[in-house]
Amino acid sequence: MRETTDAVLLRLMIGESDDWEGRPLYEALVFKARELGLAGATVLRGAMGFGRSSRMHTAKILRLSDDLPLVIEVIDTADNIERLLAAAEPMLGSCLVTLENIRVLRYGHDRGLS
């Protein structure tokens, strides 16, 4: 039987044009996660989407948006995710934040989540 580790998946759904103190918000959030020693973070760029405003954002050539949807995923222990959320709270304006309890099957070479 494979050994698994309980963890939390944090998803932050923001716009590509969102910023924090003069830099892209996604960049500020990933660097904050790294600064806090979290296991890792990934930024995914969406081809199309809409949020609370119902304004459509798309990468289609004829309707090229300068504000494509971004999803930032961070996986770590519940305590570490809570530390990141507390540090990120001032940065987050209009965005969707979700948390999921997950099981990690494999992470790195014999390295568990801290």
C-alpha atoms as a PDB file:
ATOM      1  CA  MET A   1       0.000   0.000   0.000  1.00  0.00           C
ATOM      2  CA  ARG A   2       1.275   3.448  -0.884  1.00  0.00           C
ATOM      3  CA  GLU A   3       1.950   5.917   1.879  1.00  0.00           C
ATOM      4  CA  THR A   4       0.162   9.260   1.612  1.00  0.00           C
ATOM      5  CA  THR A   5       0.373  12.568   3.461  1.00  0.00           C
ATOM      6  CA  ASP A   6      -2.600  14.749   4.351  1.00  0.00           C
ATOM      7  CA  ALA A   7      -2.305  18.273   2.979  1.00  0.00           C
ATOM      8  CA  VAL A   8      -4.355  21.270   1.882  1.00  0.00           C
ATOM      9  CA  LEU A   9      -4.698  22.659  -1.645  1.00  0.00           C
ATOM     10  CA  LEU A  10      -5.109  26.437  -1.730  1.00  0.00           C
ATOM     11  CA  ARG A  11      -6.457  27.930  -4.971  1.00  0.00           C
ATOM     12  CA  LEU A  12      -6.489  31.665  -5.585  1.00  0.00           C
ATOM     13  CA  MET A  13      -8.348  32.815  -8.697  1.00  0.00           C
ATOM     14  CA  ILE A  14      -7.276  36.278  -9.785  1.00  0.00           C
ATOM     15  CA  GLY A  15      -6.911  38.387 -12.918  1.00  0.00           C
ATOM     16  CA  GLU A  16      -3.656  38.741 -14.794  1.00  0.00           C
ATOM     17  CA  SER A  17      -3.776  42.530 -14.402  1.00  0.00           C
ATOM     18  CA  ASP A  18      -4.170  42.405 -10.587  1.00  0.00           C
ATOM     19  CA  ASP A  19      -1.200  43.923  -8.838  1.00  0.00           C
ATOM     20  CA  TRP A  20       0.310  44.513  -5.412  1.00  0.00           C
ATOM     21  CA  GLU A  21       2.717  47.360  -4.704  1.00  0.00           C
ATOM     22  CA  GLY A  22       3.716  47.806  -8.333  1.00  0.00           C
ATOM     23  CA  ARG A  23       4.249  44.154  -9.256  1.00  0.00           C
ATOM     24  CA  PRO A  24       1.902  41.455 -10.558  1.00  0.00           C
ATOM     25  CA  LEU A  25      -0.176  39.987  -7.735  1.00  0.00           C
ATOM     26  CA  TYR A  26       0.535  36.416  -8.823  1.00  0.00           C
ATOM     27  CA  GLU A  27       4.254  37.113  -8.547  1.00  0.00           C
ATOM     28  CA  ALA A  28       3.905  38.721  -5.103  1.00  0.00           C
ATOM     29  CA  LEU A  29       1.887  35.729  -3.848  1.00  0.00           C
ATOM     30  CA  VAL A  30       4.321  33.109  -5.176  1.00  0.00           C
ATOM     31  CA  PHE A  31       7.298  34.954  -3.696  1.00  0.00           C
ATOM     32  CA  LYS A  32       5.462  35.234  -0.358  1.00  0.00           C
ATOM     33  CA  ALA A  33       4.823  31.465  -0.377  1.00  0.00           C
ATOM     34  CA  ARG A  34       8.514  30.873  -1.076  1.00  0.00           C
ATOM     35  CA  GLU A  35       9.576  33.340   1.615  1.00  0.00           C
ATOM     36  CA  LEU A  36       7.428  31.464   4.139  1.00  0.00           C
ATOM     37  CA  GLY A  37       9.019  28.142   3.147  1.00  0.00           C
ATOM     38  CA  LEU A  38       5.948  26.484   1.656  1.00  0.00           C
ATOM     39  CA  ALA A  39       6.364  23.304  -0.382  1.00  0.00           C
ATOM     40  CA  GLY A  40       5.604  24.938  -3.749  1.00  0.00           C
ATOM     41  CA  ALA A  41       3.298  27.093  -5.831  1.00  0.00           C
ATOM     42  CA  THR A  42       2.184  27.064  -9.460  1.00  0.00           C
ATOM     43  CA  VAL A  43       0.519  29.782 -11.543  1.00  0.00           C
ATOM     44  CA  LEU A  44      -1.828  28.568 -14.288  1.00  0.00           C
ATOM     45  CA  ARG A  45      -3.014  30.932 -17.022  1.00  0.00           C
ATOM     46  CA  GLY A  46      -6.558  30.422 -18.241  1.00  0.00           C
ATOM     47  CA  ALA A  47      -7.617  30.733 -21.875  1.00  0.00           C
ATOM     48  CA  MET A  48     -11.072  31.998 -20.960  1.00  0.00           C
ATOM     49  CA  GLY A  49     -13.178  32.811 -17.944  1.00  0.00           C
ATOM     50  CA  PHE A  50     -15.412  35.199 -16.059  1.00  0.00           C
ATOM     51  CA  GLY A  51     -15.920  36.048 -12.440  1.00  0.00           C
ATOM     52  CA  ARG A  52     -18.250  37.974 -10.203  1.00  0.00           C
ATOM     53  CA  SER A  53     -18.593  40.874 -12.662  1.00  0.00           C
ATOM     54  CA  SER A  54     -19.585  38.453 -15.469  1.00  0.00           C
ATOM     55  CA  ARG A  55     -17.097  40.254 -17.739  1.00  0.00           C
ATOM     56  CA  MET A  56     -15.692  37.709 -20.208  1.00  0.00           C
ATOM     57  CA  HIS A  57     -11.908  37.369 -20.426  1.00  0.00           C
ATOM     58  CA  THR A  58     -10.555  35.453 -23.411  1.00  0.00           C
ATOM     59  CA  ALA A  59      -7.355  34.759 -25.312  1.00  0.00           C
ATOM     60  CA  LYS A  60      -9.136  34.635 -28.682  1.00  0.00           C
ATOM     61  CA  ILE A  61      -7.286  36.690 -31.305  1.00  0.00           C
ATOM     62  CA  LEU A  62     -10.222  38.989 -32.130  1.00  0.00           C
ATOM     63  CA  ARG A  63     -11.019  39.674 -28.457  1.00  0.00           C
ATOM     64  CA  LEU A  64      -7.555  39.574 -26.898  1.00  0.00           C
ATOM     65  CA  SER A  65      -7.893  40.331 -23.205  1.00  0.00           C
ATOM     66  CA  ASP A  66      -5.172  41.982 -21.169  1.00  0.00           C
ATOM     67  CA  ASP A  67      -6.686  40.439 -18.049  1.00  0.00           C
ATOM     68  CA  LEU A  68      -6.775  36.669 -18.510  1.00  0.00           C
ATOM     69  CA  PRO A  69      -7.777  34.516 -15.545  1.00  0.00           C
ATOM     70  CA  LEU A  70      -4.979  33.100 -13.395  1.00  0.00           C
ATOM     71  CA  VAL A  71      -5.137  30.285 -10.858  1.00  0.00           C
ATOM     72  CA  ILE A  72      -2.434  30.030  -8.210  1.00  0.00           C
ATOM     73  CA  GLU A  73      -2.223  26.617  -6.575  1.00  0.00           C
ATOM     74  CA  VAL A  74      -0.301  26.009  -3.374  1.00  0.00           C
ATOM     75  CA  ILE A  75      -0.115  22.662  -1.578  1.00  0.00           C
ATOM     76  CA  ASP A  76       1.231  22.266   1.939  1.00  0.00           C
ATOM     77  CA  THR A  77       0.175  21.425   5.482  1.00  0.00           C
ATOM     78  CA  ALA A  78      -2.906  23.140   6.892  1.00  0.00           C
ATOM     79  CA  ASP A  79      -0.761  25.206   9.288  1.00  0.00           C
ATOM     80  CA  ASN A  80       1.509  26.458   6.500  1.00  0.00           C
ATOM     81  CA  ILE A  81      -1.438  27.324   4.258  1.00  0.00           C
ATOM     82  CA  GLU A  82      -3.004  29.307   7.117  1.00  0.00           C
ATOM     83  CA  ARG A  83       0.280  31.213   7.595  1.00  0.00           C
ATOM     84  CA  LEU A  84       0.299  32.093   3.899  1.00  0.00           C
ATOM     85  CA  LEU A  85      -3.339  33.195   3.952  1.00  0.00           C
ATOM     86  CA  ALA A  86      -2.685  35.467   6.932  1.00  0.00           C
ATOM     87  CA  ALA A  87       0.308  37.044   5.193  1.00  0.00           C
ATOM     88  CA  ALA A  88      -1.553  37.373   1.868  1.00  0.00           C
ATOM     89  CA  GLU A  89      -4.762  38.857   3.303  1.00  0.00           C
ATOM     90  CA  PRO A  90      -3.716  42.505   2.688  1.00  0.00           C
ATOM     91  CA  MET A  91      -2.865  41.656  -0.947  1.00  0.00           C
ATOM     92  CA  LEU A  92      -6.183  40.055  -1.834  1.00  0.00           C
ATOM     93  CA  GLY A  93      -8.864  42.275  -3.265  1.00  0.00           C
ATOM     94  CA  SER A  94     -11.545  40.801  -5.482  1.00  0.00           C
ATOM     95  CA  CYS A  95     -10.633  37.154  -5.918  1.00  0.00           C
ATOM     96  CA  LEU A  96     -11.911  33.678  -5.199  1.00  0.00           C
ATOM     97  CA  VAL A  97     -10.046  31.637  -2.597  1.00  0.00           C
ATOM     98  CA  THR A  98     -10.751  27.937  -2.090  1.00  0.00           C
ATOM     99  CA  LEU A  99      -9.299  25.265   0.179  1.00  0.00           C
ATOM    100  CA  GLU A 100      -9.464  21.502  -0.307  1.00  0.00           C
ATOM    101  CA  ASN A 101      -8.244  18.705   1.918  1.00  0.00           C
ATOM    102  CA  ILE A 102      -6.118  16.403  -0.223  1.00  0.00           C
ATOM    103  CA  ARG A 103      -3.787  13.412   0.047  1.00  0.00           C
ATOM    104  CA  VAL A 104      -0.295  13.749  -1.404  1.00  0.00           C
ATOM    105  CA  LEU A 105       1.003  10.541  -2.907  1.00  0.00           C
ATOM    106  CA  ARG A 106       4.480  11.739  -3.879  1.00  0.00           C
ATOM    107  CA  TYR A 107       6.531  14.880  -3.300  1.00  0.00           C
ATOM    108  CA  GLY A 108      10.180  15.138  -4.345  1.00  0.00           C
ATOM    109  CA  HIS A 109      12.750  12.515  -3.420  1.00  0.00           C
ATOM    110  CA  ASP A 110      11.887  11.102   0.001  1.00  0.00           C
ATOM    111  CA  ARG A 111      10.857  14.580   1.127  1.00  0.00           C
ATOM    112  CA  GLY A 112       7.655  15.072   3.048  1.00  0.00           C
ATOM    113  CA  LEU A 113       5.715  18.278   3.431  1.00  0.00           C
ATOM    114  CA  SER A 114       7.125  20.334   6.273  1.00  0.00           C
END
